[in-house]
Amino acid sequence: MSRNKPLFPGRRFSVARFAIFLVALIFIVASVWGWLTYTKISSKKLPYPWFGGYADVTSTPSYTFESDVGDVYKNVVLGFITASSGCTPTWGGYYTMDDAASQLDMDSRIARVSRAGRTVTISFGGQAGTELASQCSTAQDLADAYESVISRYHVSSLDFDIEESNLDGYSDSATRRAQAVALLQSKAEESGNPLTVGLTLPVDTNGLTSEGKDTVESFLDAGVNLGSLNVMAMDFNVQSTKVDQVTLIKQALNAVHAQYKSMLYSRGKLFSDTQIWEMMGVTVLIGQNDTDGEYLTLDDAQQINTFAMQANLGRVSMWSLNRDQQCGENASVTSTQTACSGVKQTKGEFATILGSGFRGTPGTLVDMNTTWEQNGSAYPQWNETTQYSKGDKVVWDSKIYEALSPNIGIKPDSTAEGTDSPWRLIGPTS
């Protein structure tokens, strides 16, 4: 009786070879698993552009922000903290923190949002009322007032909505505000819990007002790491039958982008155009605006969402979640209502459209404290025969450029900066 032939003649099973193979396999699997785990954990720490609607917590009827469900409600901006008498935070000048807890159930409502994995941003200032910066006598007193709100509600994201009489240029109160915020951020950084700060300002089609620019300057000079320069693109006082709001909003955003770039570059903060878009945000007034005949439609909202996604705008917000529903038959649609939009819509439709595709939570997408070497002698002159790699920096025509992709023989200024350009302008040599 013949024996069966081996499947692989001439090869014998080797325990040693099998052991080596097994160890190698385990190493490969462990490496891949470790990389996937690292990537997953790290990705949670990376901020992405975010959407968050404002909720007016003192308006009636009360808006139940704590009950919202869905991705577009992952973030909510609660307004507004103002001063009532002295350096004491209140909700809208009507409720102290304790009053809000007992009469509005504010503490438990905010806690419910946090437990649901959503993010709360507290907004200071607003259109009406007195901002705390004008009532607190020192930056430390003001920082303590802000801190009392942070610690009470356990938040790590603040918004400063500065407008009307509170927008008073590079004043003592503006300086105090900026210094106080810088103190808060420094303390938060030391404790390992970074504080995200947004600055919300009114604009027109020419961009920020002179007072608005001064307010930004005060924050930059104090060393605040601004998460977003958020512009209130609304109330242009132009009837929408003449010029649609999308056109006006885009004009305002582009103007602010240029202004912000100038302010940053003058301080040696040489961010790319894309990075500056990431450092900006927009808040729109849904439906009927304050001017009769001026309104933001659902179609407009869709176009704003598309523009924001394409520009990689860091933040989109709207005023307000309270208004994101159709008015009743007896409501006026020629003036702004506090509890409805004034246009035909389904409940929550503006938030759904404006927030589509925005998956992030408040965070600092671009570190404001990044610095660059502006000394031209620190970098070589561009050479047409040199192969450049991504990240290489060169000097050309008294300007510093950075390679965005490998290239050779392409002059830094020969193509417009953009997604297809292999170079980006950093700035002039010093």
Protein backbone atom coordinates (compact mmCIF):
# COMPACT_ATOMS: atom_id res chain seq x y z
CA MET A 1 0.00 0.00 0.00
CA SER A 2 1.59 3.26 -1.13
CA ARG A 3 1.86 6.34 1.07
CA ASN A 4 0.14 9.57 0.10
CA LYS A 5 2.39 12.04 -1.62
CA PRO A 6 3.06 15.24 0.28
CA LEU A 7 1.19 18.31 -0.94
CA PHE A 8 4.45 20.21 -1.37
CA PRO A 9 7.18 17.67 -2.20
CA GLY A 10 10.54 18.52 -0.73
CA ARG A 11 9.07 20.81 1.97
CA ARG A 12 8.73 19.81 5.57
CA PHE A 13 6.82 21.56 8.34
CA SER A 14 9.18 23.69 10.40
CA VAL A 15 8.18 24.75 13.87
CA ALA A 16 10.81 27.49 13.84
CA ARG A 17 9.60 28.98 10.55
CA PHE A 18 5.99 28.82 11.71
CA ALA A 19 6.89 30.59 14.96
CA ILE A 20 8.67 33.37 13.04
CA PHE A 21 5.68 33.73 10.73
CA LEU A 22 3.28 33.87 13.68
CA VAL A 23 5.34 36.51 15.48
CA ALA A 24 5.53 38.61 12.30
CA LEU A 25 1.79 38.31 11.76
CA ILE A 26 1.07 39.36 15.34
CA PHE A 27 3.43 42.34 14.95
CA ILE A 28 1.73 43.47 11.73
CA VAL A 29 -1.76 43.13 13.20
CA ALA A 30 -0.73 44.94 16.38
CA SER A 31 0.89 47.75 14.37
CA VAL A 32 -2.16 48.23 12.18
CA TRP A 33 -4.50 48.09 15.17
CA GLY A 34 -2.30 50.53 17.08
CA TRP A 35 -2.25 52.97 14.15
CA LEU A 36 -6.01 52.77 13.70
CA THR A 37 -6.53 53.30 17.42
CA TYR A 38 -4.10 56.23 17.46
CA THR A 39 -5.76 57.76 14.43
CA LYS A 40 -9.21 57.36 15.97
CA ILE A 41 -8.15 58.87 19.29
CA SER A 42 -6.19 61.70 17.67
CA SER A 43 -9.02 62.57 15.30
CA LYS A 44 -11.27 63.30 18.25
CA LYS A 45 -8.90 66.04 19.29
CA LEU A 46 -8.83 67.74 15.92
CA PRO A 47 -11.33 70.58 15.56
CA TYR A 48 -13.43 70.86 12.42
CA PRO A 49 -15.62 73.69 11.12
CA TRP A 50 -18.77 73.82 13.19
CA PHE A 51 -22.34 75.03 13.15
CA GLY A 52 -24.19 76.34 16.18
CA GLY A 53 -27.37 78.34 16.36
CA TYR A 54 -27.93 81.05 18.94
CA ALA A 55 -30.68 80.61 21.48
CA ASP A 56 -32.08 83.63 23.31
CA VAL A 57 -32.60 82.18 26.78
CA THR A 58 -34.52 85.14 28.21
CA SER A 59 -36.96 85.51 25.32
CA THR A 60 -40.60 84.47 25.65
CA PRO A 61 -41.96 82.02 24.88
CA SER A 62 -39.02 80.09 26.29
CA TYR A 63 -37.03 78.03 23.80
CA THR A 64 -36.21 74.50 25.00
CA PHE A 65 -32.65 74.31 23.65
CA GLU A 66 -31.96 71.34 25.93
CA SER A 67 -34.47 69.18 24.04
CA ASP A 68 -33.08 69.62 20.51
CA VAL A 69 -32.03 66.38 18.84
CA GLY A 70 -29.93 65.93 15.68
CA ASP A 71 -26.47 66.66 14.29
CA VAL A 72 -27.20 70.34 13.56
CA TYR A 73 -28.01 70.84 17.25
CA LYS A 74 -24.71 69.35 18.44
CA ASN A 75 -23.61 72.89 19.37
CA VAL A 76 -25.70 75.68 20.82
CA VAL A 77 -24.73 79.29 21.61
CA LEU A 78 -26.63 80.70 24.60
CA GLY A 79 -27.06 84.46 24.93
CA PHE A 80 -26.57 86.77 26.52
CA ILE A 81 -24.55 87.37 29.67
CA THR A 82 -24.55 91.09 30.53
CA ALA A 83 -24.09 93.31 33.58
CA SER A 84 -26.99 94.54 35.66
CA SER A 85 -25.42 96.61 38.38
CA GLY A 86 -21.70 96.50 38.97
CA CYS A 87 -19.35 93.71 37.96
CA THR A 88 -21.91 90.91 38.33
CA PRO A 89 -22.91 88.59 35.47
CA THR A 90 -26.61 88.26 34.67
CA TRP A 91 -28.67 86.70 31.92
CA GLY A 92 -29.79 89.67 29.83
CA GLY A 93 -29.77 91.99 32.84
CA TYR A 94 -32.88 90.23 34.12
CA TYR A 95 -31.64 87.17 36.02
CA THR A 96 -28.64 86.68 38.26
CA MET A 97 -27.04 83.26 37.98
CA ASP A 98 -29.03 82.10 41.03
CA ASP A 99 -32.25 83.61 39.70
CA ALA A 100 -31.72 81.85 36.37
CA ALA A 101 -31.23 78.57 38.21
CA SER A 102 -34.46 78.88 40.15
CA GLN A 103 -36.68 80.62 37.58
CA LEU A 104 -35.33 79.33 34.25
CA ASP A 105 -33.86 76.04 35.49
CA MET A 106 -30.72 77.14 33.65
CA ASP A 107 -28.15 75.05 35.52
CA SER A 108 -29.92 71.74 34.97
CA ARG A 109 -30.85 72.55 31.36
CA ILE A 110 -27.23 73.29 30.44
CA ALA A 111 -26.15 70.16 32.29
CA ARG A 112 -28.62 68.12 30.21
CA VAL A 113 -27.05 69.44 27.01
CA SER A 114 -23.57 68.49 28.21
CA ARG A 115 -24.67 65.02 29.31
CA ALA A 116 -26.09 64.46 25.82
CA GLY A 117 -22.60 65.01 24.36
CA ARG A 118 -23.48 68.42 22.96
CA THR A 119 -21.40 71.59 23.38
CA VAL A 120 -22.57 74.82 24.98
CA THR A 121 -21.00 78.16 24.11
CA ILE A 122 -21.86 81.06 26.41
CA SER A 123 -22.17 84.43 24.66
CA PHE A 124 -21.39 87.71 26.44
CA GLY A 125 -22.79 91.04 25.28
CA GLY A 126 -25.42 91.11 22.55
CA GLN A 127 -27.40 93.93 21.01
CA ALA A 128 -29.08 95.12 24.20
CA GLY A 129 -27.73 95.53 27.70
CA THR A 130 -24.40 96.48 29.16
CA GLU A 131 -21.34 94.32 28.63
CA LEU A 132 -19.40 93.42 31.76
CA ALA A 133 -16.20 95.06 30.50
CA SER A 134 -17.66 98.52 31.08
CA GLN A 135 -18.66 97.73 34.67
CA CYS A 136 -15.64 95.84 36.04
CA SER A 137 -12.82 98.18 37.05
CA THR A 138 -9.82 95.92 36.38
CA ALA A 139 -8.95 93.15 33.97
CA GLN A 140 -8.63 90.71 36.87
CA ASP A 141 -12.07 91.62 38.23
CA LEU A 142 -13.50 91.12 34.77
CA ALA A 143 -11.69 87.81 34.35
CA ASP A 144 -13.12 86.68 37.69
CA ALA A 145 -16.63 87.60 36.52
CA TYR A 146 -16.17 85.64 33.29
CA GLU A 147 -14.65 82.75 35.24
CA SER A 148 -17.69 82.57 37.55
CA VAL A 149 -19.83 81.81 34.51
CA ILE A 150 -17.35 79.28 33.10
CA SER A 151 -17.08 77.35 36.37
CA ARG A 152 -20.80 77.43 37.07
CA TYR A 153 -21.80 75.94 33.73
CA HIS A 154 -18.61 73.92 33.10
CA VAL A 155 -18.08 75.30 29.59
CA SER A 156 -14.92 75.63 27.53
CA SER A 157 -16.23 77.86 24.73
CA LEU A 158 -17.04 81.57 24.98
CA ASP A 159 -18.43 84.05 22.46
CA PHE A 160 -18.12 87.83 22.79
CA ASP A 161 -20.87 89.56 20.84
CA ILE A 162 -19.83 93.20 20.87
CA GLU A 163 -22.17 95.71 19.24
CA GLU A 164 -24.11 98.93 19.69
CA SER A 165 -22.76 101.12 22.54
CA ASN A 166 -20.45 98.33 23.72
CA LEU A 167 -18.55 98.57 20.42
CA ASP A 168 -16.54 101.65 21.31
CA GLY A 169 -13.21 101.20 19.57
CA TYR A 170 -9.87 100.78 21.31
CA SER A 171 -11.29 102.04 24.60
CA ASP A 172 -10.42 101.27 28.21
CA SER A 173 -13.25 98.74 28.38
CA ALA A 174 -12.11 97.08 25.14
CA THR A 175 -8.57 96.80 26.46
CA ARG A 176 -9.85 95.45 29.77
CA ARG A 177 -11.99 92.87 27.97
CA ALA A 178 -9.12 91.65 25.83
CA GLN A 179 -6.72 91.45 28.78
CA ALA A 180 -9.28 89.55 30.84
CA VAL A 181 -9.85 87.01 28.07
CA ALA A 182 -6.09 86.56 27.70
CA LEU A 183 -5.86 85.87 31.44
CA LEU A 184 -8.63 83.27 31.17
CA GLN A 185 -6.97 81.52 28.26
CA SER A 186 -3.61 81.45 30.01
CA LYS A 187 -5.14 79.93 33.13
CA ALA A 188 -7.10 77.39 31.10
CA GLU A 189 -4.00 76.40 29.14
CA GLU A 190 -2.04 75.84 32.33
CA SER A 191 -4.78 73.57 33.66
CA GLY A 192 -4.83 71.53 30.45
CA ASN A 193 -8.34 72.63 29.49
CA PRO A 194 -7.99 75.09 26.58
CA LEU A 195 -10.61 77.81 26.28
CA THR A 196 -12.06 78.50 22.83
CA VAL A 197 -12.88 82.17 22.22
CA GLY A 198 -14.98 83.67 19.44
CA LEU A 199 -15.38 87.37 18.73
CA THR A 200 -18.67 88.34 17.06
CA LEU A 201 -18.92 91.76 15.40
CA PRO A 202 -21.31 93.65 13.09
CA VAL A 203 -20.30 94.30 9.48
CA ASP A 204 -21.52 95.87 6.27
CA THR A 205 -20.48 95.16 2.68
CA ASN A 206 -17.24 97.08 3.33
CA GLY A 207 -16.38 94.76 6.20
CA LEU A 208 -15.74 95.69 9.81
CA THR A 209 -16.33 99.21 11.05
CA SER A 210 -13.38 101.15 12.44
CA GLU A 211 -14.62 100.32 15.97
CA GLY A 212 -14.86 96.67 14.99
CA LYS A 213 -11.29 96.64 13.68
CA ASP A 214 -10.12 98.30 16.90
CA THR A 215 -11.84 95.55 18.91
CA VAL A 216 -10.05 92.86 16.93
CA GLU A 217 -6.76 94.73 17.32
CA SER A 218 -7.24 94.85 21.09
CA PHE A 219 -7.67 91.05 21.23
CA LEU A 220 -4.63 90.46 19.03
CA ASP A 221 -2.49 92.89 21.03
CA ALA A 222 -3.47 91.18 24.30
CA GLY A 223 -2.36 87.81 22.91
CA VAL A 224 -5.80 86.21 22.75
CA ASN A 225 -5.85 83.04 20.65
CA LEU A 226 -9.00 83.77 18.67
CA GLY A 227 -10.88 80.64 17.62
CA SER A 228 -13.08 82.61 15.25
CA LEU A 229 -13.70 86.14 14.08
CA ASN A 230 -17.44 85.77 13.57
CA VAL A 231 -19.23 88.43 11.53
CA MET A 232 -22.89 89.33 11.88
CA ALA A 233 -23.84 89.49 8.21
CA MET A 234 -27.36 90.86 8.41
CA ASP A 235 -29.47 94.04 8.33
CA PHE A 236 -27.74 95.59 5.30
CA ASN A 237 -30.70 97.95 4.87
CA VAL A 238 -31.14 96.80 1.27
CA GLN A 239 -34.39 95.32 0.04
CA SER A 240 -33.88 91.76 -1.14
CA THR A 241 -35.87 92.41 -4.33
CA LYS A 242 -33.02 94.73 -5.37
CA VAL A 243 -30.01 92.75 -4.10
CA ASP A 244 -30.30 89.30 -2.54
CA GLN A 245 -28.69 88.77 0.85
CA VAL A 246 -26.30 86.11 -0.42
CA THR A 247 -24.54 88.69 -2.57
CA LEU A 248 -24.28 91.14 0.34
CA ILE A 249 -23.07 88.47 2.77
CA LYS A 250 -20.34 87.30 0.41
CA GLN A 251 -19.19 90.89 -0.11
CA ALA A 252 -19.00 91.41 3.64
CA LEU A 253 -17.10 88.17 4.24
CA ASN A 254 -14.56 88.87 1.51
CA ALA A 255 -14.01 92.37 2.85
CA VAL A 256 -13.47 91.09 6.40
CA HIS A 257 -11.09 88.43 5.10
CA ALA A 258 -8.92 91.14 3.54
CA GLN A 259 -9.06 93.28 6.70
CA TYR A 260 -8.23 90.37 8.98
CA LYS A 261 -5.35 89.27 6.74
CA SER A 262 -3.90 92.77 6.91
CA MET A 263 -4.14 92.85 10.71
CA LEU A 264 -2.55 89.43 11.05
CA TYR A 265 0.26 90.09 8.55
CA SER A 266 1.15 93.37 10.25
CA ARG A 267 1.88 91.28 13.36
CA GLY A 268 3.94 88.69 11.53
CA LYS A 269 1.12 86.13 11.60
CA LEU A 270 1.47 85.04 8.01
CA PHE A 271 -1.45 82.65 7.58
CA SER A 272 -2.59 81.48 4.16
CA ASP A 273 -5.91 82.65 2.73
CA THR A 274 -7.42 79.24 3.49
CA GLN A 275 -6.26 79.37 7.10
CA ILE A 276 -7.78 82.83 7.52
CA TRP A 277 -11.14 81.51 6.27
CA GLU A 278 -10.83 78.77 8.88
CA MET A 279 -10.32 81.47 11.51
CA MET A 280 -13.54 83.25 10.49
CA GLY A 281 -17.24 82.62 10.93
CA VAL A 282 -20.57 84.07 9.87
CA THR A 283 -23.88 84.56 11.65
CA VAL A 284 -26.96 85.23 9.55
CA LEU A 285 -30.39 86.50 10.53
CA ILE A 286 -32.83 83.94 9.18
CA GLY A 287 -36.03 85.02 7.47
CA GLN A 288 -37.21 88.60 7.85
CA ASN A 289 -34.48 91.05 8.82
CA ASP A 290 -34.97 94.34 10.66
CA THR A 291 -35.44 96.24 7.41
CA ASP A 292 -38.83 95.84 5.75
CA GLY A 293 -38.35 93.82 2.57
CA GLU A 294 -34.94 92.46 3.56
CA TYR A 295 -34.84 88.73 4.29
CA LEU A 296 -32.77 85.57 4.12
CA THR A 297 -34.69 82.81 2.33
CA LEU A 298 -34.23 79.05 2.53
CA ASP A 299 -32.58 79.16 -0.90
CA ASP A 300 -30.24 81.87 0.39
CA ALA A 301 -29.38 79.65 3.36
CA GLN A 302 -28.46 76.82 1.02
CA GLN A 303 -26.14 79.11 -0.96
CA ILE A 304 -24.49 80.36 2.25
CA ASN A 305 -23.92 76.77 3.36
CA THR A 306 -22.34 75.94 0.00
CA PHE A 307 -20.10 79.02 0.11
CA ALA A 308 -19.04 78.27 3.69
CA MET A 309 -18.18 74.65 2.85
CA GLN A 310 -16.20 75.61 -0.25
CA ALA A 311 -14.29 78.39 1.53
CA ASN A 312 -13.75 76.13 4.57
CA LEU A 313 -15.25 78.77 6.84
CA GLY A 314 -14.53 77.83 10.43
CA ARG A 315 -17.96 78.54 11.85
CA VAL A 316 -21.55 79.17 10.79
CA SER A 317 -24.24 80.42 13.17
CA MET A 318 -27.72 81.88 12.91
CA TRP A 319 -30.02 84.14 14.86
CA SER A 320 -31.87 82.37 16.17
CA LEU A 321 -33.05 78.88 17.05
CA ASN A 322 -36.05 80.53 18.70
CA ARG A 323 -37.10 81.90 15.28
CA ASP A 324 -36.56 78.74 13.22
CA GLN A 325 -40.24 78.07 12.54
CA GLN A 326 -43.06 79.53 10.50
CA CYS A 327 -45.11 82.36 11.99
CA GLY A 328 -48.77 81.96 12.76
CA GLU A 329 -51.47 83.54 10.63
CA ASN A 330 -51.80 86.62 12.83
CA ALA A 331 -48.08 87.42 13.10
CA SER A 332 -46.58 90.37 11.23
CA VAL A 333 -44.14 89.37 8.50
CA THR A 334 -42.84 92.88 7.82
CA SER A 335 -40.75 93.12 10.98
CA THR A 336 -38.46 90.74 12.82
CA GLN A 337 -40.29 88.41 15.19
CA THR A 338 -38.60 86.84 18.22
CA ALA A 339 -40.28 83.44 17.90
CA CYS A 340 -40.66 82.87 14.14
CA SER A 341 -38.83 83.64 10.89
CA GLY A 342 -41.46 85.44 8.85
CA VAL A 343 -41.02 83.11 5.85
CA LYS A 344 -42.71 79.87 4.85
CA GLN A 345 -40.75 76.94 6.30
CA THR A 346 -40.92 73.78 8.37
CA LYS A 347 -39.73 73.82 11.97
CA GLY A 348 -35.94 73.71 12.18
CA GLU A 349 -35.46 73.98 8.42
CA PHE A 350 -32.95 76.84 8.49
CA ALA A 351 -30.73 75.01 11.00
CA THR A 352 -30.91 71.84 8.93
CA ILE A 353 -29.80 73.68 5.76
CA LEU A 354 -27.17 75.96 7.27
CA GLY A 355 -25.66 73.22 9.45
CA SER A 356 -25.49 70.55 6.77
CA GLY A 357 -21.97 69.11 6.47
CA PHE A 358 -20.58 70.85 9.54
CA ARG A 359 -19.44 68.09 11.89
CA GLY A 360 -17.14 69.90 14.31
CA THR A 361 -17.47 71.42 17.75
CA PRO A 362 -16.08 74.77 18.90
CA GLY A 363 -12.31 74.68 18.81
CA THR A 364 -9.31 76.56 17.51
CA LEU A 365 -8.65 75.32 13.97
CA VAL A 366 -5.57 77.49 13.53
CA ASP A 367 -3.20 78.39 16.36
CA MET A 368 -3.06 82.18 16.50
CA ASN A 369 0.31 82.03 18.24
CA THR A 370 2.11 80.44 15.29
CA THR A 371 5.11 82.53 14.24
CA TRP A 372 7.26 82.72 11.10
CA GLU A 373 10.79 83.81 10.35
CA GLN A 374 10.46 86.90 8.16
CA ASN A 375 14.16 87.52 7.70
CA GLY A 376 14.75 87.01 3.99
CA SER A 377 18.31 85.76 4.61
CA ALA A 378 16.86 82.77 6.50
CA TYR A 379 15.63 81.21 3.23
CA PRO A 380 17.31 80.58 -0.14
CA GLN A 381 16.43 82.42 -3.31
CA TRP A 382 14.14 80.48 -5.62
CA ASN A 383 16.03 78.54 -8.31
CA GLU A 384 14.41 77.14 -11.42
CA THR A 385 16.54 73.96 -11.40
CA THR A 386 15.88 73.05 -7.76
CA GLN A 387 13.40 70.32 -6.90
CA TYR A 388 11.26 71.67 -4.08
CA SER A 389 9.36 69.57 -1.57
CA LYS A 390 6.21 70.43 0.33
CA GLY A 391 7.02 72.86 3.13
CA ASP A 392 10.17 74.31 1.57
CA LYS A 393 10.41 78.08 1.86
CA VAL A 394 12.10 80.40 -0.62
CA VAL A 395 12.52 84.09 -1.33
CA TRP A 396 11.36 85.50 -4.65
CA ASP A 397 10.94 89.17 -5.54
CA SER A 398 11.45 90.21 -1.86
CA LYS A 399 8.64 87.90 -0.72
CA ILE A 400 8.69 84.62 1.16
CA TYR A 401 6.83 81.67 -0.37
CA GLU A 402 6.10 78.17 0.91
CA ALA A 403 5.79 75.10 -1.33
CA LEU A 404 2.40 73.44 -1.05
CA SER A 405 3.42 70.48 -3.21
CA PRO A 406 6.58 69.11 -4.89
CA ASN A 407 7.53 71.20 -7.92
CA ILE A 408 10.41 72.28 -10.11
CA GLY A 409 10.76 75.25 -12.46
CA ILE A 410 7.51 76.92 -11.41
CA LYS A 411 8.00 80.49 -10.28
CA PRO A 412 6.30 81.20 -6.94
CA ASP A 413 4.36 84.16 -8.38
CA SER A 414 3.51 82.58 -11.73
CA THR A 415 0.20 81.06 -10.61
CA ALA A 416 -2.62 82.45 -8.50
CA GLU A 417 -2.68 81.12 -4.97
CA GLY A 418 -5.31 78.46 -4.59
CA THR A 419 -5.93 74.75 -4.49
CA ASP A 420 -4.01 74.14 -7.76
CA SER A 421 -1.04 76.37 -6.99
CA PRO A 422 2.19 74.71 -5.79
CA TRP A 423 3.11 77.84 -3.83
CA ARG A 424 1.54 80.12 -1.29
CA LEU A 425 2.65 83.60 -0.34
CA ILE A 426 3.73 83.90 3.28
CA GLY A 427 4.53 87.59 3.20
CA PRO A 428 7.18 90.21 2.53
CA THR A 429 10.69 89.87 3.85
CA SER A 430 11.44 92.11 6.79
